[in-house]
C-alpha atoms as a PDB file:
ATOM      1  CA  UNK A   1      59.895  27.377  10.863  1.00  0.00           C
ATOM      2  CA  UNK A   2      62.929  28.013  12.962  1.00  0.00           C
ATOM      3  CA  UNK A   3      66.655  28.565  11.982  1.00  0.00           C
ATOM      4  CA  UNK A   4      69.291  26.998  14.270  1.00  0.00           C
ATOM      5  CA  UNK A   5      71.186  30.534  14.423  1.00  0.00           C
ATOM      6  CA  UNK A   6      67.856  31.966  16.233  1.00  0.00           C
ATOM      7  CA  UNK A   7      68.106  29.211  19.043  1.00  0.00           C
ATOM      8  CA  UNK A   8      71.950  30.066  19.396  1.00  0.00           C
ATOM      9  CA  UNK A   9      71.471  33.453  19.863  1.00  0.00           C
ATOM     10  CA  UNK A  10      68.614  33.324  22.412  1.00  0.00           C
ATOM     11  CA  UNK A  11      70.592  30.565  24.019  1.00  0.00           C
ATOM     12  CA  UNK A  12      73.748  33.173  24.259  1.00  0.00           C
ATOM     13  CA  UNK A  13      71.952  36.013  25.110  1.00  0.00           C
ATOM     14  CA  UNK A  14      70.578  33.897  28.155  1.00  0.00           C
ATOM     15  CA  UNK A  15      73.954  32.736  29.251  1.00  0.00           C
ATOM     16  CA  UNK A  16      75.389  36.304  28.965  1.00  0.00           C
ATOM     17  CA  UNK A  17      72.381  37.524  31.703  1.00  0.00           C
ATOM     18  CA  UNK A  18      72.691  34.860  33.605  1.00  0.00           C
ATOM     19  CA  UNK A  19      76.676  35.239  33.613  1.00  0.00           C
ATOM     20  CA  UNK A  20      76.107  39.145  34.894  1.00  0.00           C
ATOM     21  CA  UNK A  21      73.788  38.127  37.271  1.00  0.00           C
ATOM     22  CA  UNK A  22      75.629  35.785  38.979  1.00  0.00           C
ATOM     23  CA  UNK A  23      78.942  37.783  38.820  1.00  0.00           C
ATOM     24  CA  UNK A  24      77.271  41.524  40.405  1.00  0.00           C
ATOM     25  CA  UNK A  25      75.667  38.905  42.867  1.00  0.00           C
ATOM     26  CA  UNK A  26      79.069  37.654  44.104  1.00  0.00           C
ATOM     27  CA  UNK A  27      80.200  41.226  43.706  1.00  0.00           C
ATOM     28  CA  UNK A  28      77.081  42.624  46.009  1.00  0.00           C
ATOM     29  CA  UNK A  29      77.089  39.557  48.290  1.00  0.00           C
ATOM     30  CA  UNK A  30      81.333  40.363  48.974  1.00  0.00           C
ATOM     31  CA  UNK A  31      80.618  44.016  49.314  1.00  0.00           C
ATOM     32  CA  UNK A  32      77.814  43.103  52.469  1.00  0.00           C
ATOM     33  CA  UNK A  33      80.064  41.072  54.066  1.00  0.00           C
ATOM     34  CA  UNK A  34      82.725  43.942  53.598  1.00  0.00           C
ATOM     35  CA  UNK A  35      80.383  46.311  54.810  1.00  0.00           C
ATOM     36  CA  UNK A  36      79.289  44.514  57.648  1.00  0.00           C
ATOM     37  CA  UNK A  37      82.693  43.634  58.950  1.00  0.00           C
ATOM     38  CA  UNK A  38      84.254  47.191  58.346  1.00  0.00           C
ATOM     39  CA  UNK A  39      80.924  48.296  59.746  1.00  0.00           C
ATOM     40  CA  UNK A  40      81.037  46.479  63.026  1.00  0.00           C
ATOM     41  CA  UNK A  41      84.455  47.608  63.684  1.00  0.00           C
ATOM     42  CA  UNK A  42      83.478  51.518  62.775  1.00  0.00           C
ATOM     43  CA  UNK A  43      80.970  51.176  65.315  1.00  0.00           C
ATOM     44  CA  UNK A  44      82.797  49.485  68.297  1.00  0.00           C
ATOM     45  CA  UNK A  45      85.485  51.958  67.582  1.00  0.00           C
ATOM     46  CA  UNK A  46      83.170  54.793  67.265  1.00  0.00           C
ATOM     47  CA  UNK A  47      81.830  53.405  70.884  1.00  0.00           C
ATOM     48  CA  UNK A  48      85.122  53.601  72.479  1.00  0.00           C
ATOM     49  CA  UNK A  49      85.516  57.268  71.941  1.00  0.00           C
ATOM     50  CA  UNK A  50      81.685  58.173  72.055  1.00  0.00           C
ATOM     51  CA  UNK A  51      79.773  56.259  74.707  1.00  0.00           C
ATOM     52  CA  UNK A  52      76.186  57.793  73.552  1.00  0.00           C
ATOM     53  CA  UNK A  53      77.128  55.793  69.986  1.00  0.00           C
ATOM     54  CA  UNK A  54      74.652  52.462  69.894  1.00  0.00           C
ATOM     55  CA  UNK A  55      74.631  48.983  67.485  1.00  0.00           C
ATOM     56  CA  UNK A  56      71.941  49.560  64.871  1.00  0.00           C
ATOM     57  CA  UNK A  57      68.983  47.049  65.404  1.00  0.00           C
ATOM     58  CA  UNK A  58      69.228  43.516  63.484  1.00  0.00           C
ATOM     59  CA  UNK A  59      66.133  45.000  61.135  1.00  0.00           C
ATOM     60  CA  UNK A  60      68.092  47.689  59.549  1.00  0.00           C
ATOM     61  CA  UNK A  61      71.227  45.479  58.869  1.00  0.00           C
ATOM     62  CA  UNK A  62      69.086  42.892  57.389  1.00  0.00           C
ATOM     63  CA  UNK A  63      67.020  44.635  55.180  1.00  0.00           C
ATOM     64  CA  UNK A  64      70.209  46.568  54.046  1.00  0.00           C
ATOM     65  CA  UNK A  65      71.933  43.700  53.113  1.00  0.00           C
ATOM     66  CA  UNK A  66      68.641  42.211  51.363  1.00  0.00           C
ATOM     67  CA  UNK A  67      67.714  45.708  49.304  1.00  0.00           C
ATOM     68  CA  UNK A  68      71.630  46.813  48.426  1.00  0.00           C
ATOM     69  CA  UNK A  69      72.899  43.095  46.405  1.00  0.00           C
ATOM     70  CA  UNK A  70      68.864  43.314  44.542  1.00  0.00           C
ATOM     71  CA  UNK A  71      69.887  46.496  43.305  1.00  0.00           C
ATOM     72  CA  UNK A  72      72.839  45.806  42.644  1.00  0.00           C
ATOM     73  CA  UNK A  73      72.097  42.969  40.635  1.00  0.00           C
ATOM     74  CA  UNK A  74      69.134  44.829  38.702  1.00  0.00           C
ATOM     75  CA  UNK A  75      71.564  47.387  38.393  1.00  0.00           C
ATOM     76  CA  UNK A  76      74.234  44.952  36.472  1.00  0.00           C
ATOM     77  CA  UNK A  77      71.388  43.636  33.924  1.00  0.00           C
ATOM     78  CA  UNK A  78      70.197  46.425  32.429  1.00  0.00           C
ATOM     79  CA  UNK A  79      73.790  47.091  30.672  1.00  0.00           C
ATOM     80  CA  UNK A  80      74.015  43.567  30.140  1.00  0.00           C
ATOM     81  CA  UNK A  81      70.663  42.992  28.525  1.00  0.00           C
ATOM     82  CA  UNK A  82      71.412  45.949  26.341  1.00  0.00           C
ATOM     83  CA  UNK A  83      75.032  43.991  25.132  1.00  0.00           C
ATOM     84  CA  UNK A  84      73.136  40.682  24.756  1.00  0.00           C
ATOM     85  CA  UNK A  85      70.757  42.408  21.519  1.00  0.00           C
ATOM     86  CA  UNK A  86      73.493  43.531  19.760  1.00  0.00           C
ATOM     87  CA  UNK A  87      74.613  41.984  16.860  1.00  0.00           C
ATOM     88  CA  UNK A  88      78.540  41.913  17.136  1.00  0.00           C
ATOM     89  CA  UNK A  89      79.492  41.160  13.787  1.00  0.00           C
ATOM     90  CA  UNK A  90      78.108  44.483  12.192  1.00  0.00           C
ATOM     91  CA  UNK A  91      79.192  46.170  15.628  1.00  0.00           C
ATOM     92  CA  UNK A  92      82.980  44.953  15.343  1.00  0.00           C
ATOM     93  CA  UNK A  93      82.639  45.809  11.737  1.00  0.00           C
ATOM     94  CA  UNK A  94      82.344  49.574  12.667  1.00  0.00           C
ATOM     95  CA  UNK A  95      84.666  49.562  14.997  1.00  0.00           C
END
């Protein structure tokens, strides 16, 4: 027979994990947008000083815009999953 506490613990663990994924995805998306804007400005500025500097192609920009946020979400899920497994009450009592 299932206990209600177990279901609540599982729901809270999923909610904590989903919150961490959403938060990290938003931060990574903001970083990609800011990086793209600053990279464009830096490339234009460098192009005015160095005539051989060209803007990168579309493929490297799109691939990095997909890989970097995915890596950020995965990297943030590891600590969130570890924190979700900790029983809070004994951890707080030991502090």
